[in-house]
Amino acid sequence: MNKVEELAKMIDHSILNPTHTDADLEKQCAIAGEYNVASVCVKPYAVKQAVDLLRDCTVKVGCVI
């Protein structure tokens, strides 16, 4: 694993903007998967969709309460 990959695994990508749409969630999850970050943090209603979008990579999904 190179330094960039190591750094990416320390990043939690937040997708929490209140104006984000489902299309924004898809785009941001794709970016998280592309860079293989440690996790994405989403709003509770978006957890299932984010898990589905990221099922083929190692990015974990978390949510805010």
C-alpha atoms as a PDB file:
ATOM      1  CA  MET A   1       0.000   0.000   0.000  1.00  0.00           C
ATOM      2  CA  ASN A   2       1.462   3.378  -0.968  1.00  0.00           C
ATOM      3  CA  LYS A   3       1.299   6.553   1.123  1.00  0.00           C
ATOM      4  CA  VAL A   4      -1.772   7.935  -0.699  1.00  0.00           C
ATOM      5  CA  GLU A   5      -3.698   4.716  -0.086  1.00  0.00           C
ATOM      6  CA  GLU A   6      -2.626   4.750   3.559  1.00  0.00           C
ATOM      7  CA  LEU A   7      -3.806   8.336   3.917  1.00  0.00           C
ATOM      8  CA  ALA A   8      -7.129   7.614   2.191  1.00  0.00           C
ATOM      9  CA  LYS A   9      -7.847   4.891   4.755  1.00  0.00           C
ATOM     10  CA  MET A  10      -7.697   7.587   7.466  1.00  0.00           C
ATOM     11  CA  ILE A  11     -10.445   9.692   5.867  1.00  0.00           C
ATOM     12  CA  ASP A  12     -14.127   9.657   6.787  1.00  0.00           C
ATOM     13  CA  HIS A  13     -16.068  11.209   3.903  1.00  0.00           C
ATOM     14  CA  SER A  14     -19.146  13.087   5.167  1.00  0.00           C
ATOM     15  CA  ILE A  15     -22.270  13.280   3.012  1.00  0.00           C
ATOM     16  CA  LEU A  16     -24.393  15.343   5.370  1.00  0.00           C
ATOM     17  CA  ASN A  17     -25.391  18.538   3.564  1.00  0.00           C
ATOM     18  CA  PRO A  18     -29.137  19.006   4.211  1.00  0.00           C
ATOM     19  CA  THR A  19     -29.709  19.896   0.562  1.00  0.00           C
ATOM     20  CA  HIS A  20     -28.027  16.744  -0.823  1.00  0.00           C
ATOM     21  CA  THR A  21     -30.230  14.650  -3.071  1.00  0.00           C
ATOM     22  CA  ASP A  22     -30.111  10.915  -3.787  1.00  0.00           C
ATOM     23  CA  ALA A  23     -28.102  11.761  -6.905  1.00  0.00           C
ATOM     24  CA  ASP A  24     -25.583  13.629  -4.727  1.00  0.00           C
ATOM     25  CA  LEU A  25     -25.375  10.596  -2.437  1.00  0.00           C
ATOM     26  CA  GLU A  26     -24.636   8.346  -5.421  1.00  0.00           C
ATOM     27  CA  LYS A  27     -21.957  10.741  -6.698  1.00  0.00           C
ATOM     28  CA  GLN A  28     -20.273  11.116  -3.310  1.00  0.00           C
ATOM     29  CA  CYS A  29     -20.337   7.366  -2.624  1.00  0.00           C
ATOM     30  CA  ALA A  30     -18.721   6.815  -6.035  1.00  0.00           C
ATOM     31  CA  ILE A  31     -15.979   9.276  -5.079  1.00  0.00           C
ATOM     32  CA  ALA A  32     -15.504   7.528  -1.715  1.00  0.00           C
ATOM     33  CA  GLY A  33     -15.224   4.190  -3.497  1.00  0.00           C
ATOM     34  CA  GLU A  34     -12.829   5.561  -6.104  1.00  0.00           C
ATOM     35  CA  TYR A  35     -10.438   6.836  -3.443  1.00  0.00           C
ATOM     36  CA  ASN A  36     -11.158   3.875  -1.132  1.00  0.00           C
ATOM     37  CA  VAL A  37     -11.544   6.033   1.975  1.00  0.00           C
ATOM     38  CA  ALA A  38     -12.151   4.483   5.390  1.00  0.00           C
ATOM     39  CA  SER A  39     -15.848   5.348   5.610  1.00  0.00           C
ATOM     40  CA  VAL A  40     -18.717   7.573   4.618  1.00  0.00           C
ATOM     41  CA  CYS A  41     -20.976   9.274   7.133  1.00  0.00           C
ATOM     42  CA  VAL A  42     -24.551   9.755   5.950  1.00  0.00           C
ATOM     43  CA  LYS A  43     -27.926  10.777   7.328  1.00  0.00           C
ATOM     44  CA  PRO A  44     -29.863   7.880   8.892  1.00  0.00           C
ATOM     45  CA  TYR A  45     -32.345   7.569   6.018  1.00  0.00           C
ATOM     46  CA  ALA A  46     -29.472   7.074   3.542  1.00  0.00           C
ATOM     47  CA  VAL A  47     -27.684   4.181   5.282  1.00  0.00           C
ATOM     48  CA  LYS A  48     -29.309   1.388   3.263  1.00  0.00           C
ATOM     49  CA  GLN A  49     -28.718   3.165  -0.036  1.00  0.00           C
ATOM     50  CA  ALA A  50     -25.085   3.939   0.843  1.00  0.00           C
ATOM     51  CA  VAL A  51     -24.467   0.316   1.866  1.00  0.00           C
ATOM     52  CA  ASP A  52     -25.921  -0.818  -1.470  1.00  0.00           C
ATOM     53  CA  LEU A  53     -23.799   1.698  -3.390  1.00  0.00           C
ATOM     54  CA  LEU A  54     -20.605   0.657  -1.604  1.00  0.00           C
ATOM     55  CA  ARG A  55     -21.173  -3.111  -1.424  1.00  0.00           C
ATOM     56  CA  ASP A  56     -18.319  -3.892  -3.831  1.00  0.00           C
ATOM     57  CA  CYS A  57     -15.592  -2.049  -1.923  1.00  0.00           C
ATOM     58  CA  THR A  58     -14.135  -1.823   1.573  1.00  0.00           C
ATOM     59  CA  VAL A  59     -15.592   1.611   2.428  1.00  0.00           C
ATOM     60  CA  LYS A  60     -17.679   1.383   5.602  1.00  0.00           C
ATOM     61  CA  VAL A  61     -20.928   3.282   6.192  1.00  0.00           C
ATOM     62  CA  GLY A  62     -21.822   5.157   9.364  1.00  0.00           C
ATOM     63  CA  CYS A  63     -24.521   7.647  10.242  1.00  0.00           C
ATOM     64  CA  VAL A  64     -25.207  10.574  12.505  1.00  0.00           C
ATOM     65  CA  ILE A  65     -27.928  10.524  15.129  1.00  0.00           C
END
